[in-house]
Protein backbone atom coordinates (compact mmCIF):
# COMPACT_ATOMS: atom_id res chain seq x y z
CA MET A 1 0.00 0.00 0.00
CA GLU A 2 1.13 3.55 -0.75
CA ILE A 3 0.93 5.72 2.38
CA MET A 4 1.33 9.48 2.74
CA ILE A 5 1.84 11.01 6.18
CA ILE A 6 0.73 14.66 6.15
CA THR A 7 2.11 16.72 8.99
CA GLY A 8 3.48 20.17 9.75
CA LEU A 9 2.65 23.42 11.49
CA SER A 10 -0.92 24.24 12.50
CA GLY A 11 -2.36 26.60 9.90
CA ALA A 12 0.14 25.59 7.19
CA GLY A 13 -2.49 23.88 5.02
CA LYS A 14 -2.75 20.24 6.14
CA SER A 15 -6.52 20.12 5.62
CA GLN A 16 -6.21 21.53 2.11
CA ALA A 17 -3.45 19.01 1.37
CA ALA A 18 -5.69 16.20 2.60
CA ASP A 19 -8.40 17.39 0.22
CA TYR A 20 -5.90 17.15 -2.63
CA PHE A 21 -4.98 13.58 -1.78
CA GLU A 22 -8.62 12.59 -1.36
CA ASP A 23 -9.40 14.02 -4.80
CA ASN A 24 -6.58 11.88 -6.19
CA GLY A 25 -7.84 8.56 -4.87
CA TYR A 26 -6.33 8.38 -1.39
CA TYR A 27 -8.30 7.16 1.62
CA CYS A 28 -7.79 10.06 4.05
CA ILE A 29 -8.04 10.17 7.84
CA ASP A 30 -7.45 13.29 9.92
CA ASN A 31 -5.67 13.31 13.29
CA LEU A 32 -4.99 9.59 13.56
CA PRO A 33 -2.46 8.75 16.31
CA PRO A 34 0.65 7.18 14.73
CA SER A 35 0.31 4.13 16.96
CA LEU A 36 -3.01 3.34 15.29
CA ILE A 37 -1.86 3.56 11.66
CA HIS A 38 -0.76 -0.07 11.54
CA SER A 39 -3.94 -1.24 13.29
CA PHE A 40 -6.11 0.72 10.89
CA LEU A 41 -4.39 -0.68 7.80
CA ASP A 42 -4.65 -4.19 9.22
CA LEU A 43 -8.37 -3.64 9.74
CA ILE A 44 -8.72 -2.45 6.14
CA ARG A 45 -6.99 -5.56 4.83
CA ARG A 46 -8.97 -8.00 6.96
CA GLY A 47 -12.18 -6.28 5.94
CA GLY A 48 -11.39 -6.83 2.27
CA HIS A 49 -11.63 -3.13 1.40
CA PRO A 50 -9.94 -2.26 -1.94
CA VAL A 51 -7.67 0.50 -0.60
CA ASP A 52 -4.23 0.82 -2.20
CA LYS A 53 -3.48 4.45 -1.25
CA ALA A 54 -3.99 6.09 2.14
CA ALA A 55 -3.13 9.49 3.61
CA PHE A 56 -3.01 10.27 7.32
CA VAL A 57 -2.96 13.78 8.80
CA ILE A 58 -0.87 13.86 11.98
CA ASP A 59 -0.35 17.09 13.88
CA ILE A 60 0.34 18.60 17.27
CA ARG A 61 -3.01 17.38 18.61
CA GLY A 62 -1.42 13.94 18.73
CA ALA A 63 1.81 15.19 20.30
CA GLU A 64 1.90 12.41 22.90
CA PHE A 65 1.95 9.87 20.08
CA LEU A 66 4.63 11.52 17.92
CA SER A 67 7.41 9.62 19.68
CA GLN A 68 5.87 6.40 18.35
CA LEU A 69 5.78 7.57 14.72
CA LYS A 70 9.22 6.32 13.69
CA GLU A 71 8.66 2.91 15.25
CA ASN A 72 5.31 2.44 13.51
CA LEU A 73 6.62 3.61 10.14
CA GLU A 74 9.48 1.10 10.34
CA LEU A 75 6.91 -1.63 10.94
CA LEU A 76 4.96 -0.53 7.88
CA LYS A 77 8.12 -0.57 5.79
CA LYS A 78 8.97 -4.13 6.87
CA GLU A 79 5.53 -5.24 5.67
CA GLY A 80 6.20 -3.91 2.19
CA ASN A 81 4.26 -0.65 2.43
CA PHE A 82 5.64 2.42 0.66
CA TYR A 83 5.32 5.58 2.72
CA ARG A 84 6.41 9.20 2.49
CA ILE A 85 6.16 12.08 4.94
CA LEU A 86 4.97 15.47 3.70
CA PHE A 87 5.81 18.37 5.99
CA LEU A 88 3.96 21.65 5.51
CA ASP A 89 5.51 24.83 6.88
CA ALA A 90 5.01 28.60 6.74
CA GLY A 91 6.57 31.68 8.27
CA ASP A 92 5.59 32.62 11.83
CA ASP A 93 4.17 35.96 10.69
CA VAL A 94 2.01 34.23 8.07
CA LEU A 95 0.72 31.61 10.50
CA LEU A 96 -0.10 34.19 13.18
CA ARG A 97 -1.97 36.27 10.61
CA ARG A 98 -3.94 33.19 9.54
CA TYR A 99 -4.94 32.52 13.15
CA ASN A 100 -6.15 36.11 13.49
CA GLU A 101 -8.05 36.07 10.19
CA SER A 102 -9.81 32.80 11.03
CA ARG A 103 -10.38 33.94 14.64
CA ARG A 104 -9.11 30.58 15.84
CA ALA A 105 -6.46 30.05 18.48
CA HIS A 106 -3.47 27.79 18.06
CA PRO A 107 -4.25 24.26 19.36
CA LEU A 108 -1.61 24.66 22.09
CA ALA A 109 -2.68 28.19 23.12
CA HIS A 110 -4.00 27.27 26.56
CA GLY A 111 -3.04 30.11 28.88
CA ILE A 112 -0.31 31.29 26.48
CA THR A 113 -0.22 33.43 23.36
CA ASN A 114 -0.44 32.10 19.82
CA ALA A 115 3.17 33.10 19.26
CA GLU A 116 4.34 31.11 22.29
CA ALA A 117 2.23 28.13 21.24
CA LEU A 118 3.67 28.25 17.73
CA ALA A 119 7.22 28.29 19.08
CA SER A 120 6.45 25.25 21.23
CA GLU A 121 4.94 23.45 18.24
CA ARG A 122 8.04 24.09 16.12
CA ARG A 123 10.24 22.54 18.81
CA THR A 124 7.99 19.50 19.12
CA LEU A 125 7.78 18.87 15.39
CA ALA A 126 11.47 19.50 14.63
CA PRO A 127 12.39 15.77 14.69
CA ILE A 128 9.47 14.95 12.38
CA LYS A 129 10.53 17.70 9.99
CA LYS A 130 13.98 16.10 9.74
CA MET A 131 12.36 12.75 8.91
CA ALA A 132 10.16 14.21 6.15
CA ASP A 133 10.70 13.18 2.55
CA LEU A 134 8.87 16.20 1.12
CA HIS A 135 8.75 19.80 2.34
CA LEU A 136 6.43 22.57 1.21
CA ASP A 137 6.38 26.17 2.42
CA THR A 138 2.85 27.54 1.97
CA SER A 139 3.59 31.10 3.10
CA ARG A 140 2.81 32.66 -0.30
CA LEU A 141 0.37 30.06 -1.65
CA ASN A 142 -3.40 30.32 -2.00
CA ASN A 143 -5.47 27.13 -2.20
CA ALA A 144 -5.14 26.80 -5.97
CA GLN A 145 -1.38 27.37 -5.83
CA LEU A 146 -1.11 24.84 -3.01
CA VAL A 147 -2.78 22.20 -5.19
CA SER A 148 -0.50 23.03 -8.10
CA SER A 149 2.59 22.91 -5.86
CA LEU A 150 1.59 19.54 -4.44
CA ALA A 151 1.08 18.14 -7.93
CA HIS A 152 4.54 19.36 -8.94
CA LEU A 153 6.17 18.18 -5.71
CA LEU A 154 4.67 14.71 -6.00
CA GLY A 155 5.62 14.32 -9.63
CA ASP A 156 2.06 14.70 -10.93
CA GLY A 157 3.08 17.38 -13.42
CA SER A 158 0.50 20.12 -13.76
CA SER A 159 -2.41 17.82 -12.80
CA ALA A 160 -3.27 17.57 -16.47
CA GLU A 161 -3.18 13.77 -16.27
CA THR A 162 -5.97 13.76 -13.67
CA PHE A 163 -8.10 16.45 -15.33
CA LYS A 164 -11.53 15.09 -16.23
CA VAL A 165 -14.00 16.53 -18.76
CA ILE A 166 -17.70 15.79 -18.36
CA ILE A 167 -19.72 16.43 -21.52
CA GLN A 168 -23.50 16.40 -21.47
CA SER A 169 -26.40 17.22 -23.73
CA PHE A 170 -29.73 18.58 -22.48
CA GLY A 171 -33.02 20.12 -23.60
CA TYR A 172 -33.86 23.68 -22.63
CA LYS A 173 -37.57 22.78 -22.38
CA TYR A 174 -36.69 20.54 -19.42
CA GLY A 175 -34.56 23.10 -17.61
CA MET A 176 -30.91 24.04 -17.41
CA PRO A 177 -28.41 21.49 -16.05
CA ASP A 178 -27.64 21.87 -12.35
CA GLU A 179 -23.91 21.34 -12.79
CA ALA A 180 -22.23 22.97 -15.75
CA ASP A 181 -19.18 25.21 -16.03
CA LEU A 182 -19.74 26.06 -19.71
CA ILE A 183 -23.10 25.92 -21.54
CA PHE A 184 -23.47 26.19 -25.31
CA ASP A 185 -26.77 26.74 -27.12
CA MET A 186 -27.15 24.59 -30.26
CA ARG A 187 -30.45 26.12 -31.38
CA PHE A 188 -28.72 28.10 -34.14
CA ILE A 189 -28.31 24.86 -36.13
CA PRO A 190 -31.14 23.70 -38.47
CA ASN A 191 -33.42 21.39 -36.48
CA PRO A 192 -33.70 17.72 -37.60
CA PHE A 193 -37.01 17.56 -35.73
CA TYR A 194 -38.67 19.14 -38.75
CA VAL A 195 -37.35 16.50 -41.14
CA ASP A 196 -39.83 13.61 -41.23
CA SER A 197 -37.19 10.91 -41.67
CA LEU A 198 -35.14 12.24 -38.74
CA LYS A 199 -37.81 13.40 -36.31
CA LYS A 200 -38.04 10.14 -34.34
CA LEU A 201 -34.29 9.54 -34.28
CA THR A 202 -31.72 11.10 -31.92
CA GLY A 203 -28.30 12.64 -32.32
CA ASN A 204 -26.85 9.17 -31.72
CA SER A 205 -28.04 8.24 -35.22
CA LYS A 206 -25.50 8.70 -38.02
CA LYS A 207 -28.22 10.25 -40.21
CA VAL A 208 -28.99 12.95 -37.63
CA ARG A 209 -25.34 13.53 -36.92
CA ASP A 210 -24.53 13.98 -40.61
CA TYR A 211 -27.47 16.36 -41.00
CA VAL A 212 -26.38 18.48 -38.00
CA MET A 213 -22.68 18.60 -38.87
CA ARG A 214 -23.42 19.37 -42.52
CA ALA A 215 -24.35 22.91 -41.49
CA PRO A 216 -21.30 25.18 -42.05
CA GLU A 217 -21.97 27.04 -38.81
CA ALA A 218 -21.88 23.75 -36.87
CA LYS A 219 -18.41 22.96 -38.18
CA VAL A 220 -17.11 26.44 -37.38
CA PHE A 221 -18.66 26.29 -33.92
CA LEU A 222 -17.05 22.95 -33.12
CA GLU A 223 -13.57 24.16 -34.04
CA GLU A 224 -14.05 27.33 -32.00
CA VAL A 225 -15.15 25.37 -28.93
CA ILE A 226 -12.21 22.98 -29.20
CA GLY A 227 -9.87 25.96 -29.44
CA LEU A 228 -11.55 27.55 -26.43
CA PHE A 229 -11.17 24.35 -24.43
CA GLU A 230 -7.47 24.09 -25.27
CA THR A 231 -7.00 27.69 -24.11
CA LEU A 232 -8.98 27.38 -20.89
CA LYS A 233 -7.82 23.98 -19.66
CA PRO A 234 -4.35 25.11 -18.44
CA ALA A 235 -5.93 28.12 -16.73
CA TYR A 236 -8.47 25.92 -14.91
CA ILE A 237 -5.69 23.56 -13.80
CA ARG A 238 -3.60 26.49 -12.61
CA GLU A 239 -6.50 27.63 -10.43
CA GLY A 240 -6.80 24.17 -8.85
CA LYS A 241 -9.79 22.84 -10.79
CA ASN A 242 -9.55 19.11 -11.61
CA SER A 243 -12.64 18.74 -13.78
CA LEU A 244 -14.70 20.70 -16.29
CA ASN A 245 -18.39 20.16 -17.02
CA ILE A 246 -19.40 21.26 -20.53
CA ALA A 247 -23.06 21.18 -21.57
CA PHE A 248 -24.63 21.45 -25.03
CA GLY A 249 -28.33 22.32 -25.20
CA CYS A 250 -31.07 22.37 -27.80
CA THR A 251 -34.85 22.58 -27.56
CA GLY A 252 -35.66 19.00 -26.61
CA GLY A 253 -32.21 17.56 -26.02
CA GLN A 254 -32.70 14.86 -28.66
CA HIS A 255 -31.00 15.90 -31.88
CA ARG A 256 -28.63 18.85 -32.21
CA SER A 257 -27.15 18.91 -28.71
CA VAL A 258 -26.66 15.13 -28.74
CA ALA A 259 -24.93 15.12 -32.13
CA VAL A 260 -22.57 17.98 -31.28
CA ALA A 261 -21.79 16.52 -27.83
CA ASN A 262 -20.92 13.21 -29.49
CA VAL A 263 -18.54 14.80 -31.99
CA PHE A 264 -16.93 16.96 -29.29
CA PHE A 265 -16.50 13.88 -27.08
CA GLU A 266 -14.80 11.95 -29.88
CA ARG A 267 -12.41 14.83 -30.67
CA LEU A 268 -11.32 15.14 -27.04
CA LYS A 269 -11.01 11.37 -26.69
CA GLU A 270 -8.74 11.25 -29.74
CA ALA A 271 -6.63 14.01 -28.13
CA GLY A 272 -6.10 11.80 -25.07
CA GLU A 273 -8.41 13.62 -22.65
CA ASP A 274 -10.10 11.81 -19.75
CA VAL A 275 -13.68 12.42 -20.84
CA VAL A 276 -17.17 11.25 -19.89
CA LEU A 277 -20.30 11.63 -22.04
CA ARG A 278 -23.90 11.88 -20.84
CA HIS A 279 -27.17 12.57 -22.68
CA ARG A 280 -29.67 13.80 -20.11
CA GLU A 281 -32.84 13.55 -22.20
CA VAL A 282 -32.04 10.49 -24.32
CA LYS A 283 -33.37 7.32 -22.74
């Protein structure tokens, strides 16, 4: 099993890092004492759960267990598990500002100031920081930049390999889709509904598809949308987005939107994109 230990200073972004790992297929648990990592993994195996990647957030709240971390990690290694430690850090001034902005006290600030608690935390976590395989300073990173930095640090490139495109067709007469980042109206294309031989077919039919894509404006539109996608995808990834939902609509969601969605899907698939296709109104 591949295991990631996420630790570091309070307020440095451990929760956001955990979200990143969860989005990338890791089974994530927050604030698990190190002494229970082995027991948890053993429980997973005996229960027959198909978990091959896990991430555990360990912080100062489990300070009394930190001394056991090295011992438990050595046990995991002997059993053939691959683990890495990710340590998140930030400047004291940045962390103190984050505490003030969130109006939350440092976890150790019981009868002492946040600054004193932070200093104590740094001393406690110093041995763990030396053990860490990966280090990331989040002082100047927003959430999107944190995701991008994690992808780069972990060898995931720009997250392009995990970027998913969801394409759907729909009919305006049945309402707009609830989840869509980009919506395109196909009602400018001649409607196959008014052709007797095509009326009862859908955009999944080659006859309807040929009719729709025969329109010059349909061809121009498709190329423009593909160009737009190629331009926007890197920007979405840079801002931390790992999926894009693109919807094509026509009156009833049977002909034009289905045909165009199909062609768009095939073009992206040929380009190597991770893409999913759905037709909301076609049964």
